[in-house]
């Protein structure tokens, strides 16, 4: 797994929940439309021998549809993007405060298609969600296949207080 200039991935043989909670989180400086977030929003990425952990928190009550399985981005979501170095395709994962997970493979930027990375298998993934009147928290766990451990690229964003992206 490679990390970009600003994306920190913590590594250890195995993480306990307490150890993950104690790690330094990165604060979102901009939201998905490049505005300053209206609420404290943070995340961290950690990997161990077999799991990629994505922890996300937002310090405001989320807006979401508890029964939604598709179109999760119409409400508050955390987004994780996975790609393989040197390949055009990527996988987008939307994680809702309800615990719902939506995924789509893309062959290129916003091009849905079979040319996306077929090696991303999210079977066994879990999205633990906690919601209160003051905040929401996610702990997404993605089993890592051996082939992905060295050349995976990651990106994270969030849609908070959903609004249309400017044209």
Foldseek 3Di string as FASTA:
>chain_A
DDEDPPADEAEDQDDDPVRVVPDDWDWDQAAPLRHGDPWTKTWHWYDHPWKIKIKIKTFAFWDADLPDQPPRLQTKWKWKKKAFPPAAKIKIWTAHLNFHIDIFIARHVVHGDPNGDPVQDQVVWGWDWDGDRTMIMIIIMGTDDPVCPPGMYMDIHIQGPHDDRDD
